[in-house]
Structure formats: C-alpha cells, structure tokens
Amino acid sequence: MALFTAQDIAPRRDEEKVNSVVRWSDFHRGGHFAAMEAPDLLLDDVRDFFAAYR
C-alpha cells in the first residue's frame, strides 16, 4: 500500500487488522490521483515491489 499524503485516511494499523500488509510506502507528495500527480514515485514503488519477485 502506498500513502501519498498525510490527508489520506488509510492508517496502517487499521489496514493491518484486516489485511496482510507486505509493503507500506509513505510519500511526501502526490495525492488521491497519484498516477497523475506523482507518476515517478508511483512507478518507482511498483518497480521496487515487483523486483522482489524476479
């Protein structure tokens, strides 16, 4: 899961109660539409995640 702003309401502890969180990334910029607002950060995070499965 990626958290792109402090304004998003997706606290980690709540997610960990119902899901098995394998990766958590906090970013200093971006927002609800991260793919448009900070595509470089999102792409790097997706690449890092899948690199472990190569």
N, C-alpha and C. Protein backbone atom coordinates (compact mmCIF):
# COMPACT_ATOMS: atom_id res chain seq x y z
N MET A 1 0.84 -1.17 0.00
CA MET A 1 0.00 0.00 0.00
C MET A 1 0.89 1.23 0.00
N ALA A 2 0.46 2.23 -0.69
CA ALA A 2 1.21 3.49 -0.76
C ALA A 2 0.35 4.61 -0.22
N LEU A 3 0.91 5.41 0.64
CA LEU A 3 0.22 6.57 1.21
C LEU A 3 0.89 7.81 0.66
N PHE A 4 0.17 8.59 -0.14
CA PHE A 4 0.77 9.72 -0.84
C PHE A 4 0.63 11.05 -0.14
N THR A 5 -0.25 11.20 0.81
CA THR A 5 -0.32 12.43 1.58
C THR A 5 -0.78 12.11 2.99
N ALA A 6 -0.50 13.00 3.89
CA ALA A 6 -0.94 12.82 5.27
C ALA A 6 -2.46 13.00 5.37
N GLN A 7 -3.06 13.55 4.34
CA GLN A 7 -4.50 13.80 4.37
C GLN A 7 -5.31 12.56 4.02
N ASP A 8 -4.67 11.55 3.42
CA ASP A 8 -5.38 10.31 3.13
C ASP A 8 -5.75 9.63 4.44
N ILE A 9 -6.92 9.05 4.48
CA ILE A 9 -7.35 8.39 5.71
C ILE A 9 -7.27 6.88 5.54
N ALA A 10 -6.06 6.38 5.51
CA ALA A 10 -5.82 4.95 5.42
C ALA A 10 -4.73 4.56 6.40
N PRO A 11 -5.00 4.68 7.70
CA PRO A 11 -3.95 4.40 8.69
C PRO A 11 -3.48 2.95 8.64
N ARG A 12 -2.22 2.79 8.81
CA ARG A 12 -1.59 1.47 8.71
C ARG A 12 -2.16 0.47 9.71
N ARG A 13 -2.36 0.89 10.92
CA ARG A 13 -2.84 -0.07 11.93
C ARG A 13 -4.21 -0.62 11.59
N ASP A 14 -5.07 0.18 10.96
CA ASP A 14 -6.38 -0.31 10.56
C ASP A 14 -6.26 -1.31 9.41
N GLU A 15 -5.35 -1.04 8.49
CA GLU A 15 -5.14 -1.97 7.38
C GLU A 15 -4.57 -3.29 7.87
N GLU A 16 -3.66 -3.22 8.84
CA GLU A 16 -3.03 -4.44 9.33
C GLU A 16 -4.01 -5.32 10.11
N LYS A 17 -5.11 -4.75 10.59
CA LYS A 17 -6.12 -5.55 11.30
C LYS A 17 -6.86 -6.49 10.35
N VAL A 18 -7.06 -6.06 9.12
CA VAL A 18 -7.87 -6.84 8.20
C VAL A 18 -7.10 -7.40 7.01
N ASN A 19 -5.87 -6.96 6.80
CA ASN A 19 -5.08 -7.40 5.66
C ASN A 19 -3.67 -7.78 6.08
N SER A 20 -3.03 -8.57 5.27
CA SER A 20 -1.63 -8.91 5.49
C SER A 20 -0.80 -7.90 4.69
N VAL A 21 -0.31 -6.87 5.35
CA VAL A 21 0.43 -5.81 4.67
C VAL A 21 1.86 -6.29 4.44
N VAL A 22 2.23 -6.39 3.17
CA VAL A 22 3.55 -6.87 2.79
C VAL A 22 4.50 -5.71 2.58
N ARG A 23 3.95 -4.61 2.12
CA ARG A 23 4.77 -3.43 1.82
C ARG A 23 3.95 -2.18 2.10
N TRP A 24 4.59 -1.19 2.71
CA TRP A 24 3.93 0.08 3.01
C TRP A 24 4.89 1.19 2.63
N SER A 25 4.42 2.12 1.81
CA SER A 25 5.27 3.22 1.37
C SER A 25 4.59 4.55 1.67
N ASP A 26 5.32 5.45 2.31
CA ASP A 26 4.83 6.80 2.58
C ASP A 26 5.58 7.76 1.66
N PHE A 27 4.86 8.67 1.03
CA PHE A 27 5.46 9.63 0.12
C PHE A 27 5.14 11.05 0.56
N HIS A 28 6.04 11.97 0.28
CA HIS A 28 5.90 13.36 0.70
C HIS A 28 5.07 14.20 -0.27
N ARG A 29 4.78 13.66 -1.44
CA ARG A 29 3.94 14.40 -2.39
C ARG A 29 3.06 13.42 -3.14
N GLY A 30 2.12 13.96 -3.85
CA GLY A 30 1.13 13.15 -4.54
C GLY A 30 -0.22 13.39 -3.89
N GLY A 31 -1.13 12.55 -4.14
CA GLY A 31 -2.46 12.71 -3.57
C GLY A 31 -3.35 11.56 -3.98
N HIS A 32 -4.63 11.81 -3.99
CA HIS A 32 -5.60 10.77 -4.32
C HIS A 32 -5.37 10.23 -5.74
N PHE A 33 -4.98 11.08 -6.64
CA PHE A 33 -4.71 10.67 -8.02
C PHE A 33 -3.20 10.60 -8.25
N ALA A 34 -2.55 9.71 -7.53
CA ALA A 34 -1.09 9.61 -7.53
C ALA A 34 -0.52 9.37 -8.92
N ALA A 35 -1.22 8.60 -9.74
CA ALA A 35 -0.71 8.30 -11.08
C ALA A 35 -0.58 9.55 -11.93
N MET A 36 -1.39 10.55 -11.65
CA MET A 36 -1.31 11.81 -12.41
C MET A 36 -0.47 12.85 -11.68
N GLU A 37 -0.50 12.82 -10.35
CA GLU A 37 0.16 13.86 -9.56
C GLU A 37 1.63 13.56 -9.28
N ALA A 38 1.98 12.30 -9.15
CA ALA A 38 3.37 11.91 -8.86
C ALA A 38 3.69 10.58 -9.53
N PRO A 39 3.60 10.53 -10.84
CA PRO A 39 3.81 9.25 -11.53
C PRO A 39 5.20 8.65 -11.32
N ASP A 40 6.20 9.50 -11.14
CA ASP A 40 7.55 8.99 -10.91
C ASP A 40 7.65 8.20 -9.61
N LEU A 41 7.02 8.70 -8.56
CA LEU A 41 7.04 8.00 -7.28
C LEU A 41 6.26 6.69 -7.35
N LEU A 42 5.12 6.74 -7.98
CA LEU A 42 4.30 5.54 -8.09
C LEU A 42 5.00 4.46 -8.91
N LEU A 43 5.57 4.84 -10.02
CA LEU A 43 6.27 3.88 -10.88
C LEU A 43 7.47 3.26 -10.17
N ASP A 44 8.25 4.07 -9.47
CA ASP A 44 9.39 3.53 -8.73
C ASP A 44 8.94 2.55 -7.65
N ASP A 45 7.84 2.85 -6.99
CA ASP A 45 7.33 1.97 -5.94
C ASP A 45 6.84 0.65 -6.52
N VAL A 46 6.14 0.70 -7.64
CA VAL A 46 5.67 -0.52 -8.29
C VAL A 46 6.85 -1.36 -8.77
N ARG A 47 7.86 -0.71 -9.34
CA ARG A 47 9.05 -1.44 -9.78
C ARG A 47 9.78 -2.10 -8.62
N ASP A 48 9.93 -1.37 -7.51
CA ASP A 48 10.59 -1.93 -6.34
C ASP A 48 9.83 -3.13 -5.79
N PHE A 49 8.52 -3.04 -5.78
CA PHE A 49 7.70 -4.15 -5.28
C PHE A 49 7.91 -5.41 -6.13
N PHE A 50 7.80 -5.28 -7.43
CA PHE A 50 7.90 -6.44 -8.30
C PHE A 50 9.33 -6.94 -8.49
N ALA A 51 10.31 -6.13 -8.18
CA ALA A 51 11.71 -6.57 -8.28
C ALA A 51 11.98 -7.74 -7.35
N ALA A 52 11.29 -7.80 -6.25
CA ALA A 52 11.48 -8.91 -5.31
C ALA A 52 10.99 -10.24 -5.87
N TYR A 53 10.18 -10.19 -6.91
CA TYR A 53 9.60 -11.41 -7.48
C TYR A 53 10.29 -11.83 -8.76
N ARG A 54 11.38 -11.20 -9.12
CA ARG A 54 12.11 -11.58 -10.33
C ARG A 54 13.04 -12.73 -10.05
